[in-house]
C-alpha cells in the first residue's frame, strides 16, 4: 500500500545532499530511533550518527551515513541538517578503522570532563556508526 509522500531536504555544510518527496524517514535522535511519515506532528530533535534511510516508495531506500545534526518536521515537511551525509558506497572501512583508532587514542590521552575528551568521544561514536553503515552496504 502506497503511503502519502512529503518533501524532505538533507543539508550539510557542503550543500544539499538530497531533496525529494518520500514516504518515510528513519533516523536516530538523542532519545532513540524515529520514523517520520507524512503529517507527523511538529518536531525538533538532535540527531546522533547512524544510518539515515529515506523511503521513496520506489524500491530500496536511499541511505546515508549521517553525522550529528538536527531534524525539523513542520508543515508536513522535513529538514535534516547534519555535519555529514555520505553514501555508504563511498565509505572506506580501512580509513574508518584508522579514524576510529585515532579517536579512541584521543579519548584515552585526554583529561576527563574536558571539551577535548567530549569531542573525541563524539568522534568515536561517529566512526563506529559509520563503520556499521559501511558493513551493511
Protein backbone atom coordinates (compact mmCIF):
# COMPACT_ATOMS: atom_id res chain seq x y z
CA UNK A 1 0.00 0.00 0.00
CA UNK A 2 1.46 3.37 -1.02
CA UNK A 3 1.84 5.97 1.68
CA UNK A 4 1.36 9.70 1.33
CA UNK A 5 4.58 11.43 0.33
CA UNK A 6 6.07 14.57 1.85
CA UNK A 7 9.10 16.71 0.93
CA UNK A 8 12.44 16.25 2.68
CA UNK A 9 15.76 18.03 2.34
CA UNK A 10 19.09 16.77 3.65
CA UNK A 11 21.66 19.54 4.04
CA UNK A 12 25.30 19.51 5.12
CA UNK A 13 27.79 22.39 5.39
CA UNK A 14 28.86 21.41 1.84
CA UNK A 15 25.34 21.85 0.47
CA UNK A 16 22.24 19.88 -0.43
CA UNK A 17 22.63 16.10 -0.45
CA UNK A 18 19.02 15.09 -1.06
CA UNK A 19 15.78 16.85 -1.95
CA UNK A 20 12.70 14.91 -2.98
CA UNK A 21 9.37 13.58 -1.79
CA UNK A 22 9.48 10.45 0.35
CA UNK A 23 7.06 8.15 2.14
CA UNK A 24 9.11 7.73 5.32
CA UNK A 25 12.28 8.94 7.00
CA UNK A 26 14.14 6.75 9.50
CA UNK A 27 16.96 8.01 11.73
CA UNK A 28 18.21 8.12 15.32
CA UNK A 29 17.70 11.05 17.65
CA UNK A 30 19.33 11.61 21.02
CA UNK A 31 16.21 9.96 22.51
CA UNK A 32 16.21 6.90 20.22
CA UNK A 33 15.21 5.72 16.76
CA UNK A 34 12.39 7.51 14.95
CA UNK A 35 10.35 7.02 11.82
CA UNK A 36 8.61 10.01 10.29
CA UNK A 37 5.60 9.70 7.98
CA UNK A 38 3.52 12.37 6.25
CA UNK A 39 1.52 14.65 8.56
CA UNK A 40 3.84 13.99 11.50
CA UNK A 41 3.44 16.31 14.48
CA UNK A 42 5.88 19.24 14.56
CA UNK A 43 9.25 18.10 15.86
CA UNK A 44 12.73 19.45 16.52
CA UNK A 45 15.30 16.85 17.56
CA UNK A 46 19.06 16.43 17.79
CA UNK A 47 20.42 13.60 15.68
CA UNK A 48 23.06 11.03 16.56
CA UNK A 49 25.36 9.40 13.99
CA UNK A 50 23.63 6.47 12.31
CA UNK A 51 22.25 5.27 9.00
CA UNK A 52 19.70 7.72 7.62
CA UNK A 53 17.11 5.94 5.47
CA UNK A 54 14.76 7.75 3.12
CA UNK A 55 11.97 5.58 1.75
CA UNK A 56 10.86 6.96 -1.61
CA UNK A 57 8.43 4.13 -2.37
CA UNK A 58 10.47 3.13 -5.43
CA UNK A 59 12.17 0.05 -4.02
CA UNK A 60 15.18 0.20 -1.75
CA UNK A 61 15.54 3.26 0.48
CA UNK A 62 18.12 5.96 -0.17
CA UNK A 63 20.74 5.56 2.57
CA UNK A 64 23.38 7.84 4.06
CA UNK A 65 25.91 7.60 6.86
CA UNK A 66 24.60 10.51 8.91
CA UNK A 67 26.71 12.61 11.26
CA UNK A 68 25.39 14.63 14.18
CA UNK A 69 22.81 17.28 13.46
CA UNK A 70 19.18 18.27 13.70
CA UNK A 71 15.81 17.13 12.38
CA UNK A 72 12.95 19.57 11.94
CA UNK A 73 9.47 18.46 10.94
CA UNK A 74 6.92 21.22 10.39
CA UNK A 75 4.03 21.87 7.99
CA UNK A 76 4.31 18.34 6.52
CA UNK A 77 7.97 18.88 5.52
CA UNK A 78 11.20 17.52 6.98
CA UNK A 79 14.60 19.18 7.10
CA UNK A 80 17.68 17.17 8.09
CA UNK A 81 20.69 19.36 8.93
CA UNK A 82 23.77 17.22 9.56
CA UNK A 83 27.54 17.56 9.66
CA UNK A 84 27.89 14.75 7.12
CA UNK A 85 25.66 12.65 4.90
CA UNK A 86 27.78 10.14 3.00
CA UNK A 87 26.67 7.48 0.53
CA UNK A 88 27.58 4.12 2.15
CA UNK A 89 29.38 3.05 -1.04
CA UNK A 90 31.78 5.98 -0.55
CA UNK A 91 32.89 4.76 2.89
CA UNK A 92 36.31 3.12 3.16
CA UNK A 93 36.41 0.72 6.12
CA UNK A 94 40.20 0.86 6.47
CA UNK A 95 40.02 4.67 6.61
CA UNK A 96 37.22 4.42 9.19
CA UNK A 97 39.29 1.95 11.25
CA UNK A 98 42.17 4.42 11.27
CA UNK A 99 39.94 7.37 12.25
CA UNK A 100 38.28 5.30 14.98
CA UNK A 101 41.64 4.24 16.40
CA UNK A 102 42.86 7.85 16.44
CA UNK A 103 39.68 9.00 18.19
CA UNK A 104 39.98 6.24 20.80
CA UNK A 105 43.60 7.26 21.43
CA UNK A 106 42.48 10.87 21.93
CA UNK A 107 39.86 9.72 24.44
CA UNK A 108 42.49 7.80 26.40
CA UNK A 109 45.03 10.65 26.35
CA UNK A 110 42.67 13.50 27.23
CA UNK A 111 41.65 14.55 30.70
CA UNK A 112 38.20 13.65 31.95
CA UNK A 113 35.45 16.25 31.73
CA UNK A 114 37.18 18.41 29.12
CA UNK A 115 35.93 19.62 25.75
CA UNK A 116 38.78 17.72 24.09
CA UNK A 117 37.54 14.48 25.68
CA UNK A 118 33.91 15.15 24.70
CA UNK A 119 34.94 15.89 21.10
CA UNK A 120 36.98 12.67 20.94
CA UNK A 121 34.05 10.66 22.38
CA UNK A 122 31.71 12.16 19.73
CA UNK A 123 34.23 11.16 17.05
CA UNK A 124 34.34 7.60 18.41
CA UNK A 125 30.53 7.38 18.21
CA UNK A 126 30.55 8.79 14.64
CA UNK A 127 33.24 6.44 13.30
CA UNK A 128 31.62 3.42 14.99
CA UNK A 129 28.26 4.32 13.42
CA UNK A 130 29.87 4.88 10.02
CA UNK A 131 31.64 1.50 10.24
CA UNK A 132 28.28 -0.11 10.98
CA UNK A 133 26.74 1.61 7.95
CA UNK A 134 29.67 0.59 5.74
CA UNK A 135 29.32 -3.02 6.86
CA UNK A 136 25.65 -3.04 5.93
CA UNK A 137 26.07 -1.68 2.41
